[in-house]
C-alpha cells in the first residue's frame, strides 16, 4: 500500500515544476493522440508540422467540468491555450481547449479560482 502511494506521488508533479505561467502559448492543431490516464489526460497535436504534447487536468477533474471521452477525437482541429514548458520543449499545460465544435472547455481552475 505504501509503495502505491509513493509511486502515485512521484508520478504527479506541481504545475510550477514543469511549466512557466508567464510564457503563455496558443496552439491550433490537429489531435493525433488522446490518453485518458491518471494523473493527467494528455493529447498530442500536429501544429504546423510540429509535434506538441499537451497536459490537461485529471480525468475526474475534466469530467467534473463537463468533459467526456467523446468531447475530442483524433483528427479534430482544436485550439489550446496554456503555458509552455520551462525547458522550451514542445510541451504545454492547457488552461482551456476550443473544441472542433467551437465550444471552449476548461481544463482546470479558471484564473482566480483555487479549485
Protein backbone atom coordinates (compact mmCIF):
# COMPACT_ATOMS: atom_id res chain seq x y z
CA UNK A 1 0.00 0.00 0.00
CA UNK A 2 2.78 2.44 0.88
CA UNK A 3 4.60 1.63 -2.37
CA UNK A 4 1.48 2.50 -4.38
CA UNK A 5 1.16 5.82 -2.56
CA UNK A 6 4.82 6.68 -3.17
CA UNK A 7 4.50 5.74 -6.85
CA UNK A 8 1.41 7.92 -7.21
CA UNK A 9 3.12 10.88 -5.56
CA UNK A 10 6.23 10.53 -7.71
CA UNK A 11 4.11 10.37 -10.87
CA UNK A 12 2.32 13.60 -10.04
CA UNK A 13 4.02 16.97 -10.13
CA UNK A 14 3.38 20.61 -9.50
CA UNK A 15 2.37 22.83 -12.43
CA UNK A 16 5.15 25.24 -11.43
CA UNK A 17 7.76 22.47 -11.58
CA UNK A 18 7.47 21.98 -15.34
CA UNK A 19 5.52 24.92 -16.77
CA UNK A 20 6.05 28.68 -16.79
CA UNK A 21 2.74 30.54 -16.40
CA UNK A 22 4.50 33.71 -17.60
CA UNK A 23 5.02 32.03 -21.00
CA UNK A 24 1.53 31.69 -22.46
CA UNK A 25 1.08 29.67 -25.62
CA UNK A 26 -1.82 29.28 -28.05
CA UNK A 27 -1.69 26.19 -30.23
CA UNK A 28 -4.05 25.46 -33.12
CA UNK A 29 -3.59 21.99 -34.49
CA UNK A 30 -4.94 18.57 -35.27
CA UNK A 31 -5.27 16.00 -32.48
CA UNK A 32 -3.07 12.96 -33.20
CA UNK A 33 -3.38 11.13 -29.86
CA UNK A 34 -5.50 11.23 -26.69
CA UNK A 35 -4.65 9.43 -23.43
CA UNK A 36 -7.21 9.46 -20.59
CA UNK A 37 -4.84 8.31 -17.85
CA UNK A 38 -4.16 9.44 -14.29
CA UNK A 39 -2.78 11.73 -13.08
CA UNK A 40 -3.40 13.85 -16.25
CA UNK A 41 -5.07 13.50 -19.60
CA UNK A 42 -2.58 14.10 -22.42
CA UNK A 43 -3.16 14.99 -26.04
CA UNK A 44 -0.71 15.21 -28.90
CA UNK A 45 -1.16 17.87 -31.56
CA UNK A 46 0.27 18.46 -35.00
CA UNK A 47 0.80 22.23 -35.11
CA UNK A 48 2.23 23.49 -38.42
CA UNK A 49 4.18 20.24 -38.89
CA UNK A 50 5.50 20.33 -35.30
CA UNK A 51 4.58 17.75 -32.67
CA UNK A 52 3.28 19.18 -29.38
CA UNK A 53 2.35 17.28 -26.24
CA UNK A 54 -0.32 18.94 -24.10
CA UNK A 55 -1.19 18.10 -20.50
CA UNK A 56 -4.77 18.66 -19.37
CA UNK A 57 -6.37 18.12 -15.95
CA UNK A 58 -7.07 14.81 -14.29
CA UNK A 59 -9.72 12.56 -15.85
CA UNK A 60 -12.07 13.12 -12.87
CA UNK A 61 -11.42 16.87 -12.85
CA UNK A 62 -12.22 17.11 -16.56
CA UNK A 63 -15.40 15.06 -16.12
CA UNK A 64 -16.49 17.48 -13.38
CA UNK A 65 -16.05 20.33 -15.90
CA UNK A 66 -18.26 18.59 -18.48
CA UNK A 67 -15.67 16.67 -20.49
CA UNK A 68 -16.33 13.13 -21.70
CA UNK A 69 -14.16 10.75 -23.66
CA UNK A 70 -16.24 11.80 -26.66
CA UNK A 71 -15.52 15.55 -26.31
CA UNK A 72 -12.47 15.33 -28.55
CA UNK A 73 -11.37 12.82 -31.17
CA UNK A 74 -8.18 12.03 -33.04
CA UNK A 75 -8.30 14.13 -36.20
CA UNK A 76 -10.18 17.07 -34.62
CA UNK A 77 -8.83 20.57 -35.16
CA UNK A 78 -8.60 22.27 -31.74
CA UNK A 79 -7.08 25.38 -30.18
CA UNK A 80 -5.29 25.09 -26.84
CA UNK A 81 -4.45 28.00 -24.55
CA UNK A 82 -1.99 27.32 -21.79
CA UNK A 83 1.57 27.61 -20.52
CA UNK A 84 4.80 26.45 -22.14
CA UNK A 85 7.29 24.07 -20.61
CA UNK A 86 10.09 25.80 -18.71
CA UNK A 87 12.75 23.90 -20.66
CA UNK A 88 11.49 25.05 -24.08
CA UNK A 89 10.27 21.66 -25.28
CA UNK A 90 7.09 21.49 -27.36
CA UNK A 91 5.15 20.72 -24.21
CA UNK A 92 2.30 22.74 -22.75
CA UNK A 93 -0.17 22.67 -19.87
CA UNK A 94 -3.65 23.60 -21.10
CA UNK A 95 -5.96 26.07 -19.35
CA UNK A 96 -8.65 25.73 -21.99
CA UNK A 97 -9.36 23.97 -25.27
CA UNK A 98 -11.63 25.21 -28.03
CA UNK A 99 -13.06 22.01 -29.45
CA UNK A 100 -13.81 21.31 -33.12
CA UNK A 101 -17.45 22.24 -32.34
CA UNK A 102 -16.35 25.75 -31.31
CA UNK A 103 -17.12 25.12 -27.63
CA UNK A 104 -14.46 26.31 -25.14
CA UNK A 105 -13.80 23.75 -22.40
CA UNK A 106 -11.72 24.49 -19.32
CA UNK A 107 -9.15 22.01 -18.07
CA UNK A 108 -8.51 23.28 -14.54
CA UNK A 109 -9.35 26.20 -12.29
CA UNK A 110 -10.11 29.43 -14.12
CA UNK A 111 -7.87 32.35 -13.28
CA UNK A 112 -8.72 33.48 -9.76
CA UNK A 113 -10.26 30.13 -8.75
CA UNK A 114 -8.48 27.87 -6.30
CA UNK A 115 -10.17 24.57 -7.14
